[in-house]
């Protein structure tokens, strides 16, 4: 599986490098939106590739950053409104069921139920749970304004990190990808600490309220 994913990433990077700027930009936008909808390709690699293409002169770094933001937020928004439109029935649809298991959906439902604002922000840093969490947020009636603010703030952290990383390393994209894999573990660890700290704060607040 890892070998297949590595081959897919290599093929994607080589393909993007062979396109002109307009086509490459359109492809980046499209693939990012599909990643948001559950395509099993690491989003960070796509963003790094966008920065890499900017370093090659396909388009500017600012264009890569804007494309990254538009791509990830469009995919996230589509999932959110699918959940909002169809409710829990969306989880039974074949396309959703193909990429998102019932176990992942149930785990996402639990997390959103506890605190909508916090989880809509933190979900951007949880690749395995991001898609079902956004579906769940929509189906549970989280307001679009809350969703966009939280997801947008998270994207303002994650998108520049990967895009600028790809641009900084330039033609040495293999180093950028290796760094991404290392940073992913660090990010997940930081998210874990944040979640534990937040839960501890909620428990403390509830105790103070009840006393």
C-alpha atoms as a PDB file:
ATOM      1  CA  UNK A   1       0.000   0.000   0.000  1.00  0.00           C
ATOM      2  CA  UNK A   2       2.799   2.415   0.930  1.00  0.00           C
ATOM      3  CA  UNK A   3       4.618   1.559  -2.300  1.00  0.00           C
ATOM      4  CA  UNK A   4       1.430   2.233  -4.291  1.00  0.00           C
ATOM      5  CA  UNK A   5       0.986   5.588  -2.571  1.00  0.00           C
ATOM      6  CA  UNK A   6       4.618   6.506  -3.183  1.00  0.00           C
ATOM      7  CA  UNK A   7       4.218   5.678  -6.878  1.00  0.00           C
ATOM      8  CA  UNK A   8       1.034   7.746  -7.057  1.00  0.00           C
ATOM      9  CA  UNK A   9       2.785  10.744  -5.499  1.00  0.00           C
ATOM     10  CA  UNK A  10       5.774  10.410  -7.847  1.00  0.00           C
ATOM     11  CA  UNK A  11       3.455  10.155 -10.842  1.00  0.00           C
ATOM     12  CA  UNK A  12       1.468  13.197  -9.713  1.00  0.00           C
ATOM     13  CA  UNK A  13       4.552  15.374  -9.200  1.00  0.00           C
ATOM     14  CA  UNK A  14       6.049  14.367 -12.560  1.00  0.00           C
ATOM     15  CA  UNK A  15       2.734  14.959 -14.325  1.00  0.00           C
ATOM     16  CA  UNK A  16       2.254  18.412 -12.786  1.00  0.00           C
ATOM     17  CA  UNK A  17       5.818  19.420 -13.679  1.00  0.00           C
ATOM     18  CA  UNK A  18       5.119  18.529 -17.324  1.00  0.00           C
ATOM     19  CA  UNK A  19       2.037  20.783 -17.606  1.00  0.00           C
ATOM     20  CA  UNK A  20       1.953  24.479 -18.406  1.00  0.00           C
ATOM     21  CA  UNK A  21       1.096  26.900 -15.624  1.00  0.00           C
ATOM     22  CA  UNK A  22      -2.641  27.182 -16.305  1.00  0.00           C
ATOM     23  CA  UNK A  23      -3.218  23.448 -16.643  1.00  0.00           C
ATOM     24  CA  UNK A  24      -1.090  22.674 -13.591  1.00  0.00           C
ATOM     25  CA  UNK A  25      -2.997  25.233 -11.525  1.00  0.00           C
ATOM     26  CA  UNK A  26      -6.356  23.818 -12.625  1.00  0.00           C
ATOM     27  CA  UNK A  27      -5.174  20.293 -11.777  1.00  0.00           C
ATOM     28  CA  UNK A  28      -3.983  21.375  -8.315  1.00  0.00           C
ATOM     29  CA  UNK A  29      -7.344  23.015  -7.601  1.00  0.00           C
ATOM     30  CA  UNK A  30      -9.275  19.979  -8.812  1.00  0.00           C
ATOM     31  CA  UNK A  31      -7.231  17.386  -6.929  1.00  0.00           C
ATOM     32  CA  UNK A  32      -7.337  19.419  -3.709  1.00  0.00           C
ATOM     33  CA  UNK A  33     -11.115  19.636  -3.940  1.00  0.00           C
ATOM     34  CA  UNK A  34     -11.285  15.865  -4.504  1.00  0.00           C
ATOM     35  CA  UNK A  35      -8.974  15.281  -1.529  1.00  0.00           C
ATOM     36  CA  UNK A  36     -11.410  17.260   0.581  1.00  0.00           C
ATOM     37  CA  UNK A  37     -14.159  14.936  -0.632  1.00  0.00           C
ATOM     38  CA  UNK A  38     -12.243  11.855   0.455  1.00  0.00           C
ATOM     39  CA  UNK A  39      -9.775  11.045  -2.350  1.00  0.00           C
ATOM     40  CA  UNK A  40      -7.103   8.888  -0.620  1.00  0.00           C
ATOM     41  CA  UNK A  41      -4.155  11.081  -1.603  1.00  0.00           C
ATOM     42  CA  UNK A  42      -2.290  13.121   1.040  1.00  0.00           C
ATOM     43  CA  UNK A  43      -3.422  16.738   0.860  1.00  0.00           C
ATOM     44  CA  UNK A  44      -0.095  17.998   2.163  1.00  0.00           C
ATOM     45  CA  UNK A  45       1.713  16.420  -0.804  1.00  0.00           C
ATOM     46  CA  UNK A  46      -0.585  18.260  -3.235  1.00  0.00           C
ATOM     47  CA  UNK A  47       0.094  21.542  -1.445  1.00  0.00           C
ATOM     48  CA  UNK A  48       3.837  20.885  -1.441  1.00  0.00           C
ATOM     49  CA  UNK A  49       3.611  20.196  -5.176  1.00  0.00           C
ATOM     50  CA  UNK A  50       1.889  23.568  -5.648  1.00  0.00           C
ATOM     51  CA  UNK A  51       4.829  25.266  -3.924  1.00  0.00           C
ATOM     52  CA  UNK A  52       7.258  23.192  -5.994  1.00  0.00           C
ATOM     53  CA  UNK A  53       5.562  24.335  -9.208  1.00  0.00           C
ATOM     54  CA  UNK A  54       5.817  27.943  -8.042  1.00  0.00           C
ATOM     55  CA  UNK A  55       9.560  27.419  -7.517  1.00  0.00           C
ATOM     56  CA  UNK A  56       9.766  26.117 -11.103  1.00  0.00           C
ATOM     57  CA  UNK A  57       8.113  29.309 -12.337  1.00  0.00           C
ATOM     58  CA  UNK A  58       4.830  27.727 -13.433  1.00  0.00           C
ATOM     59  CA  UNK A  59       3.029  30.424 -11.447  1.00  0.00           C
ATOM     60  CA  UNK A  60       3.797  32.745  -8.535  1.00  0.00           C
ATOM     61  CA  UNK A  61       4.033  31.727  -4.892  1.00  0.00           C
ATOM     62  CA  UNK A  62       1.039  33.933  -4.068  1.00  0.00           C
ATOM     63  CA  UNK A  63      -0.978  32.150  -6.765  1.00  0.00           C
ATOM     64  CA  UNK A  64      -0.001  28.784  -5.274  1.00  0.00           C
ATOM     65  CA  UNK A  65      -1.116  29.957  -1.828  1.00  0.00           C
ATOM     66  CA  UNK A  66      -4.470  31.221  -3.114  1.00  0.00           C
ATOM     67  CA  UNK A  67      -5.015  28.018  -5.108  1.00  0.00           C
ATOM     68  CA  UNK A  68      -4.210  25.967  -2.020  1.00  0.00           C
ATOM     69  CA  UNK A  69      -6.714  27.867   0.102  1.00  0.00           C
ATOM     70  CA  UNK A  70      -9.451  27.760  -2.539  1.00  0.00           C
ATOM     71  CA  UNK A  71      -8.861  24.079  -3.246  1.00  0.00           C
ATOM     72  CA  UNK A  72      -8.972  22.831   0.340  1.00  0.00           C
ATOM     73  CA  UNK A  73     -11.849  25.082   1.411  1.00  0.00           C
ATOM     74  CA  UNK A  74     -13.971  24.168  -1.613  1.00  0.00           C
ATOM     75  CA  UNK A  75     -13.636  20.460  -0.854  1.00  0.00           C
ATOM     76  CA  UNK A  76     -14.351  21.011   2.836  1.00  0.00           C
ATOM     77  CA  UNK A  77     -17.366  23.190   2.051  1.00  0.00           C
ATOM     78  CA  UNK A  78     -18.788  20.654  -0.399  1.00  0.00           C
ATOM     79  CA  UNK A  79     -18.623  17.953   2.287  1.00  0.00           C
ATOM     80  CA  UNK A  80     -20.172  20.218   4.887  1.00  0.00           C
ATOM     81  CA  UNK A  81     -23.146  21.088   2.668  1.00  0.00           C
ATOM     82  CA  UNK A  82     -23.598  17.469   1.607  1.00  0.00           C
ATOM     83  CA  UNK A  83     -24.043  16.659   5.277  1.00  0.00           C
ATOM     84  CA  UNK A  84     -26.307  19.668   5.749  1.00  0.00           C
ATOM     85  CA  UNK A  85     -28.464  18.757   2.743  1.00  0.00           C
ATOM     86  CA  UNK A  86     -28.844  15.017   3.277  1.00  0.00           C
ATOM     87  CA  UNK A  87     -28.300  14.664   7.026  1.00  0.00           C
ATOM     88  CA  UNK A  88     -27.347  11.200   8.234  1.00  0.00           C
ATOM     89  CA  UNK A  89     -28.619   9.727   4.950  1.00  0.00           C
ATOM     90  CA  UNK A  90     -25.463  11.038   3.247  1.00  0.00           C
ATOM     91  CA  UNK A  91     -23.410   8.402   5.076  1.00  0.00           C
ATOM     92  CA  UNK A  92     -25.294   5.622   3.283  1.00  0.00           C
ATOM     93  CA  UNK A  93     -24.586   6.933  -0.204  1.00  0.00           C
ATOM     94  CA  UNK A  94     -22.280   4.632  -2.232  1.00  0.00           C
ATOM     95  CA  UNK A  95     -19.672   7.309  -3.012  1.00  0.00           C
ATOM     96  CA  UNK A  96     -19.330   8.306   0.648  1.00  0.00           C
ATOM     97  CA  UNK A  97     -19.377   4.694   1.824  1.00  0.00           C
ATOM     98  CA  UNK A  98     -16.594   3.809  -0.592  1.00  0.00           C
ATOM     99  CA  UNK A  99     -14.062   6.202   0.936  1.00  0.00           C
ATOM    100  CA  UNK A 100     -15.321   6.634   4.507  1.00  0.00           C
ATOM    101  CA  UNK A 101     -15.965   3.611   6.698  1.00  0.00           C
ATOM    102  CA  UNK A 102     -18.884   3.462   9.193  1.00  0.00           C
ATOM    103  CA  UNK A 103     -16.343   3.295  12.037  1.00  0.00           C
ATOM    104  CA  UNK A 104     -14.733   6.572  10.949  1.00  0.00           C
ATOM    105  CA  UNK A 105     -18.152   8.191  10.641  1.00  0.00           C
ATOM    106  CA  UNK A 106     -19.149   7.104  14.152  1.00  0.00           C
ATOM    107  CA  UNK A 107     -15.852   8.370  15.597  1.00  0.00           C
ATOM    108  CA  UNK A 108     -16.361  11.705  13.833  1.00  0.00           C
ATOM    109  CA  UNK A 109     -19.934  11.954  15.128  1.00  0.00           C
ATOM    110  CA  UNK A 110     -18.742  11.597  18.712  1.00  0.00           C
ATOM    111  CA  UNK A 111     -16.110  14.301  18.324  1.00  0.00           C
ATOM    112  CA  UNK A 112     -18.422  16.820  16.681  1.00  0.00           C
ATOM    113  CA  UNK A 113     -21.133  16.183  19.249  1.00  0.00           C
ATOM    114  CA  UNK A 114     -18.826  17.246  22.078  1.00  0.00           C
ATOM    115  CA  UNK A 115     -17.811  20.620  20.718  1.00  0.00           C
ATOM    116  CA  UNK A 116     -18.583  21.853  17.210  1.00  0.00           C
ATOM    117  CA  UNK A 117     -16.337  24.927  17.063  1.00  0.00           C
ATOM    118  CA  UNK A 118     -13.239  23.254  18.421  1.00  0.00           C
ATOM    119  CA  UNK A 119     -13.550  20.123  16.315  1.00  0.00           C
ATOM    120  CA  UNK A 120     -14.227  22.024  13.073  1.00  0.00           C
ATOM    121  CA  UNK A 121     -10.896  23.768  13.643  1.00  0.00           C
ATOM    122  CA  UNK A 122      -8.864  20.773  14.733  1.00  0.00           C
ATOM    123  CA  UNK A 123     -10.273  18.437  12.047  1.00  0.00           C
ATOM    124  CA  UNK A 124      -8.104  20.091   9.380  1.00  0.00           C
ATOM    125  CA  UNK A 125      -5.086  18.524  11.095  1.00  0.00           C
ATOM    126  CA  UNK A 126      -6.642  15.034  11.275  1.00  0.00           C
ATOM    127  CA  UNK A 127      -6.383  13.495   7.765  1.00  0.00           C
ATOM    128  CA  UNK A 128      -8.197  10.269   8.618  1.00  0.00           C
ATOM    129  CA  UNK A 129     -11.149  11.967  10.320  1.00  0.00           C
ATOM    130  CA  UNK A 130     -11.388  15.273   8.441  1.00  0.00           C
ATOM    131  CA  UNK A 131     -13.916  14.215   5.790  1.00  0.00           C
ATOM    132  CA  UNK A 132     -16.381  12.391   8.078  1.00  0.00           C
ATOM    133  CA  UNK A 133     -16.137  15.176  10.662  1.00  0.00           C
ATOM    134  CA  UNK A 134     -17.145  17.807   8.091  1.00  0.00           C
ATOM    135  CA  UNK A 135     -20.017  15.614   6.906  1.00  0.00           C
ATOM    136  CA  UNK A 136     -21.105  15.169  10.497  1.00  0.00           C
ATOM    137  CA  UNK A 137     -20.817  18.899  11.236  1.00  0.00           C
ATOM    138  CA  UNK A 138     -23.157  19.644   8.349  1.00  0.00           C
ATOM    139  CA  UNK A 139     -25.647  16.958   9.308  1.00  0.00           C
ATOM    140  CA  UNK A 140     -25.739  18.108  12.936  1.00  0.00           C
ATOM    141  CA  UNK A 141     -26.696  21.657  11.990  1.00  0.00           C
ATOM    142  CA  UNK A 142     -23.420  23.497  12.684  1.00  0.00           C
ATOM    143  CA  UNK A 143     -23.864  26.968  11.181  1.00  0.00           C
ATOM    144  CA  UNK A 144     -21.981  27.682   7.915  1.00  0.00           C
ATOM    145  CA  UNK A 145     -20.480  30.801   9.502  1.00  0.00           C
ATOM    146  CA  UNK A 146     -19.007  28.807  12.383  1.00  0.00           C
ATOM    147  CA  UNK A 147     -17.718  26.154  10.005  1.00  0.00           C
ATOM    148  CA  UNK A 148     -16.075  28.619   7.600  1.00  0.00           C
ATOM    149  CA  UNK A 149     -14.434  30.631  10.378  1.00  0.00           C
ATOM    150  CA  UNK A 150     -12.969  27.589  12.119  1.00  0.00           C
ATOM    151  CA  UNK A 151     -11.941  25.741   8.955  1.00  0.00           C
ATOM    152  CA  UNK A 152     -10.582  28.933   7.411  1.00  0.00           C
ATOM    153  CA  UNK A 153      -8.417  29.732  10.434  1.00  0.00           C
ATOM    154  CA  UNK A 154      -7.016  26.206  10.411  1.00  0.00           C
ATOM    155  CA  UNK A 155      -6.331  26.394   6.666  1.00  0.00           C
ATOM    156  CA  UNK A 156      -4.451  29.669   7.183  1.00  0.00           C
ATOM    157  CA  UNK A 157      -2.009  27.643   9.280  1.00  0.00           C
ATOM    158  CA  UNK A 158      -1.747  24.398   7.301  1.00  0.00           C
ATOM    159  CA  UNK A 159      -1.852  25.629   3.682  1.00  0.00           C
ATOM    160  CA  UNK A 160       1.044  28.148   3.866  1.00  0.00           C
ATOM    161  CA  UNK A 161       3.114  25.619   5.839  1.00  0.00           C
ATOM    162  CA  UNK A 162       3.053  23.041   3.035  1.00  0.00           C
ATOM    163  CA  UNK A 163       3.024  25.411   0.048  1.00  0.00           C
ATOM    164  CA  UNK A 164       5.933  27.541   1.287  1.00  0.00           C
ATOM    165  CA  UNK A 165       7.788  24.348   2.223  1.00  0.00           C
ATOM    166  CA  UNK A 166       7.496  23.059  -1.354  1.00  0.00           C
ATOM    167  CA  UNK A 167       8.554  26.441  -2.722  1.00  0.00           C
ATOM    168  CA  UNK A 168      11.511  26.750  -0.346  1.00  0.00           C
ATOM    169  CA  UNK A 169      12.997  23.376  -1.256  1.00  0.00           C
ATOM    170  CA  UNK A 170      12.455  24.069  -4.944  1.00  0.00           C
ATOM    171  CA  UNK A 171      13.672  21.257  -7.161  1.00  0.00           C
ATOM    172  CA  UNK A 172      14.520  19.103  -4.137  1.00  0.00           C
ATOM    173  CA  UNK A 173      10.890  18.150  -3.641  1.00  0.00           C
ATOM    174  CA  UNK A 174      11.884  14.752  -2.256  1.00  0.00           C
ATOM    175  CA  UNK A 175      13.320  16.575   0.773  1.00  0.00           C
ATOM    176  CA  UNK A 176      10.110  18.543   1.150  1.00  0.00           C
ATOM    177  CA  UNK A 177       8.054  15.331   1.077  1.00  0.00           C
ATOM    178  CA  UNK A 178      10.326  13.692   3.656  1.00  0.00           C
ATOM    179  CA  UNK A 179       9.941  16.782   5.840  1.00  0.00           C
ATOM    180  CA  UNK A 180       6.162  16.620   5.404  1.00  0.00           C
ATOM    181  CA  UNK A 181       6.084  13.052   6.689  1.00  0.00           C
ATOM    182  CA  UNK A 182       8.147  14.066   9.718  1.00  0.00           C
ATOM    183  CA  UNK A 183       6.066  17.166  10.388  1.00  0.00           C
ATOM    184  CA  UNK A 184       2.843  15.193  10.111  1.00  0.00           C
ATOM    185  CA  UNK A 185       3.859  13.197  13.175  1.00  0.00           C
ATOM    186  CA  UNK A 186       4.771  16.396  15.025  1.00  0.00           C
ATOM    187  CA  UNK A 187       1.460  18.014  14.043  1.00  0.00           C
ATOM    188  CA  UNK A 188      -0.548  14.984  15.148  1.00  0.00           C
ATOM    189  CA  UNK A 189       1.311  15.024  18.457  1.00  0.00           C
ATOM    190  CA  UNK A 190       0.594  18.728  18.898  1.00  0.00           C
ATOM    191  CA  UNK A 191      -3.058  18.152  18.053  1.00  0.00           C
ATOM    192  CA  UNK A 192      -3.195  15.362  20.630  1.00  0.00           C
ATOM    193  CA  UNK A 193      -1.750  17.632  23.315  1.00  0.00           C
ATOM    194  CA  UNK A 194      -4.169  20.401  22.329  1.00  0.00           C
ATOM    195  CA  UNK A 195      -7.166  18.058  22.504  1.00  0.00           C
ATOM    196  CA  UNK A 196      -6.117  16.716  25.906  1.00  0.00           C
ATOM    197  CA  UNK A 197      -5.559  20.249  27.186  1.00  0.00           C
ATOM    198  CA  UNK A 198      -8.923  21.379  25.865  1.00  0.00           C
ATOM    199  CA  UNK A 199     -10.736  18.444  27.436  1.00  0.00           C
ATOM    200  CA  UNK A 200      -8.965  19.173  30.728  1.00  0.00           C
ATOM    201  CA  UNK A 201     -10.079  22.786  30.524  1.00  0.00           C
ATOM    202  CA  UNK A 202     -13.692  21.711  29.878  1.00  0.00           C
ATOM    203  CA  UNK A 203     -13.626  19.356  32.851  1.00  0.00           C
ATOM    204  CA  UNK A 204     -12.193  22.075  35.101  1.00  0.00           C
ATOM    205  CA  UNK A 205     -14.750  24.601  33.865  1.00  0.00           C
ATOM    206  CA  UNK A 206     -17.621  22.196  34.490  1.00  0.00           C
ATOM    207  CA  UNK A 207     -16.389  21.513  38.011  1.00  0.00           C
ATOM    208  CA  UNK A 208     -16.163  25.227  38.759  1.00  0.00           C
ATOM    209  CA  UNK A 209     -19.678  25.724  37.348  1.00  0.00           C
ATOM    210  CA  UNK A 210     -21.108  22.940  39.504  1.00  0.00           C
ATOM    211  CA  UNK A 211     -19.493  24.165  42.742  1.00  0.00           C
END
